[in-house]
N, C-alpha and C. Protein backbone atom coordinates (compact mmCIF):
# COMPACT_ATOMS: atom_id res chain seq x y z
N MET A 1 -162.98 -18.14 89.19
CA MET A 1 -163.38 -18.30 90.28
C MET A 1 -162.28 -18.74 90.71
N THR A 2 -161.53 -18.86 91.97
CA THR A 2 -160.07 -19.45 92.43
C THR A 2 -160.73 -20.61 93.00
N LEU A 3 -159.75 -21.41 93.47
CA LEU A 3 -159.50 -22.83 93.45
C LEU A 3 -159.91 -22.79 95.45
N GLU A 4 -159.80 -21.62 95.68
CA GLU A 4 -160.48 -22.27 97.48
C GLU A 4 -161.52 -21.51 97.33
N LYS A 5 -162.30 -20.79 96.10
CA LYS A 5 -163.87 -20.13 96.76
C LYS A 5 -164.33 -21.91 95.98
N ILE A 6 -163.88 -22.44 95.03
CA ILE A 6 -164.59 -23.94 94.59
C ILE A 6 -164.86 -24.59 95.66
N LYS A 7 -163.30 -24.67 96.75
CA LYS A 7 -163.39 -25.76 97.36
C LYS A 7 -164.66 -25.72 98.87
N GLN A 8 -164.30 -23.61 99.10
CA GLN A 8 -165.12 -23.43 99.79
C GLN A 8 -167.04 -23.56 99.82
N ASN A 9 -167.22 -23.54 98.11
CA ASN A 9 -168.46 -24.42 97.63
C ASN A 9 -168.92 -25.34 97.92
N THR A 10 -167.90 -26.19 97.79
CA THR A 10 -167.77 -27.74 97.62
C THR A 10 -168.58 -27.87 98.91
N LEU A 11 -167.32 -27.56 99.57
CA LEU A 11 -167.56 -28.16 101.25
C LEU A 11 -169.10 -27.71 101.81
N SER A 12 -169.29 -26.07 101.57
CA SER A 12 -171.10 -26.21 102.28
C SER A 12 -171.81 -27.19 101.62
N CYS A 13 -171.94 -27.03 100.10
CA CYS A 13 -172.72 -28.25 99.56
C CYS A 13 -172.95 -29.89 99.89
N ILE A 14 -171.80 -30.06 100.85
CA ILE A 14 -171.23 -31.39 101.06
C ILE A 14 -172.31 -31.61 102.68
N LYS A 15 -171.76 -30.08 103.43
CA LYS A 15 -171.98 -29.91 104.46
C LYS A 15 -173.76 -30.05 104.83
N ARG A 16 -174.46 -29.36 103.34
CA ARG A 16 -175.34 -29.02 102.85
C ARG A 16 -176.60 -30.89 103.06
N GLN A 17 -176.03 -31.52 102.68
CA GLN A 17 -176.21 -32.40 102.13
C GLN A 17 -176.02 -34.15 102.93
N THR A 18 -175.10 -33.72 104.23
CA THR A 18 -174.60 -34.72 105.15
C THR A 18 -174.99 -34.73 106.16
N PRO A 19 -174.71 -35.59 107.25
CA PRO A 19 -175.82 -35.40 109.01
C PRO A 19 -173.73 -34.50 109.22
N PHE A 20 -172.91 -35.04 108.39
CA PHE A 20 -171.37 -34.46 108.97
C PHE A 20 -171.79 -33.15 109.08
N ASN A 21 -170.98 -32.52 110.87
CA ASN A 21 -170.72 -31.33 110.63
C ASN A 21 -169.74 -30.67 111.67
N GLU A 22 -168.82 -31.20 111.37
CA GLU A 22 -166.79 -30.55 111.67
C GLU A 22 -166.34 -31.58 110.32
N LEU A 23 -165.66 -30.60 110.10
CA LEU A 23 -164.27 -30.52 108.97
C LEU A 23 -163.58 -30.47 109.47
N VAL A 24 -162.40 -31.68 108.89
CA VAL A 24 -161.22 -31.55 109.76
C VAL A 24 -159.95 -32.40 108.58
N HIS A 25 -159.21 -31.03 108.66
CA HIS A 25 -158.15 -31.48 107.05
C HIS A 25 -156.88 -31.93 107.56
N ASP A 26 -156.33 -32.76 106.92
CA ASP A 26 -155.39 -33.53 106.92
C ASP A 26 -154.31 -32.85 105.88
N GLN A 27 -152.83 -33.51 105.21
CA GLN A 27 -152.15 -33.32 104.43
C GLN A 27 -153.54 -33.64 103.00
N LYS A 28 -153.62 -35.05 102.85
CA LYS A 28 -154.38 -35.48 102.09
C LYS A 28 -155.29 -35.37 102.12
N ASN A 29 -156.17 -35.63 102.47
CA ASN A 29 -158.37 -35.36 102.27
C ASN A 29 -158.55 -34.81 103.35
N TYR A 30 -159.81 -34.41 103.27
CA TYR A 30 -160.27 -33.82 103.54
C TYR A 30 -161.75 -34.68 104.30
N TYR A 31 -161.73 -34.55 106.02
CA TYR A 31 -162.50 -35.51 106.79
C TYR A 31 -163.91 -34.67 107.21
N LEU A 32 -164.65 -35.71 106.70
CA LEU A 32 -166.28 -34.42 107.36
C LEU A 32 -166.55 -35.20 108.47
N GLU A 33 -165.77 -35.48 109.80
CA GLU A 33 -166.55 -36.18 111.39
C GLU A 33 -167.88 -36.38 111.54
N SER A 34 -168.38 -37.21 111.78
CA SER A 34 -170.15 -37.16 112.30
C SER A 34 -170.52 -36.85 113.80
N VAL A 35 -171.75 -36.55 114.15
CA VAL A 35 -171.89 -36.67 115.22
C VAL A 35 -171.78 -37.90 116.10
N ILE A 36 -171.82 -39.43 115.39
CA ILE A 36 -171.60 -40.10 115.81
C ILE A 36 -170.71 -41.19 115.49
N SER A 37 -169.28 -40.26 115.53
CA SER A 37 -167.68 -40.28 115.05
C SER A 37 -168.06 -41.49 114.06
N SER A 38 -168.34 -41.36 113.14
CA SER A 38 -167.84 -42.20 111.88
C SER A 38 -167.08 -40.98 110.80
N ALA A 39 -166.44 -41.46 110.21
CA ALA A 39 -165.51 -40.63 109.16
C ALA A 39 -165.73 -40.73 107.41
N GLN A 40 -165.86 -39.97 107.18
CA GLN A 40 -166.22 -40.19 105.32
C GLN A 40 -164.99 -39.16 104.72
N ILE A 41 -164.58 -40.15 103.98
CA ILE A 41 -163.49 -38.60 103.22
C ILE A 41 -163.72 -38.49 102.05
N ILE A 42 -163.57 -36.91 101.87
CA ILE A 42 -163.58 -36.72 101.26
C ILE A 42 -162.97 -36.58 99.90
N PRO A 43 -162.61 -36.74 98.62
CA PRO A 43 -161.60 -36.69 97.67
C PRO A 43 -161.60 -35.49 96.53
N LEU A 44 -161.03 -34.48 97.71
CA LEU A 44 -160.78 -33.42 96.84
C LEU A 44 -159.60 -33.08 96.86
N TYR A 45 -158.50 -33.99 97.43
CA TYR A 45 -157.24 -33.63 97.05
C TYR A 45 -156.90 -33.99 95.64
N ASP A 46 -157.62 -35.36 95.63
CA ASP A 46 -157.19 -35.28 93.91
C ASP A 46 -157.25 -34.13 92.74
N GLU A 47 -159.33 -33.69 92.85
CA GLU A 47 -159.60 -32.72 92.48
C GLU A 47 -158.96 -31.38 92.78
N GLN A 48 -158.19 -30.72 93.70
CA GLN A 48 -157.45 -30.14 93.52
C GLN A 48 -156.00 -30.08 92.55
N ILE A 49 -155.27 -31.17 92.79
CA ILE A 49 -154.72 -32.06 91.98
C ILE A 49 -154.81 -31.52 90.26
N LYS A 50 -156.04 -31.99 89.97
CA LYS A 50 -156.36 -31.75 88.73
C LYS A 50 -156.33 -29.78 87.85
N LEU A 51 -156.92 -29.46 89.35
CA LEU A 51 -157.00 -28.02 89.07
C LEU A 51 -156.17 -27.18 88.65
N ASN A 52 -155.18 -27.79 90.03
CA ASN A 52 -153.79 -27.04 90.10
C ASN A 52 -152.94 -27.35 88.32
N GLU A 53 -153.87 -28.82 87.27
CA GLU A 53 -152.36 -28.78 86.23
C GLU A 53 -152.88 -28.14 85.73
N LEU A 54 -154.17 -27.85 85.49
CA LEU A 54 -155.00 -26.61 83.60
C LEU A 54 -154.14 -26.49 83.89
């Protein structure tokens, strides 16, 4: 399973489990923006670094 596939699976799981509906990406974190304009930081970036080190 590629890193991209893992990311997609993780994001789809997050989207199913949370009220967040829009995904916004910046250089360091994945932000999920909710309908009420609050944001939650998903620490996938650190996981990506760990995966790259394997």
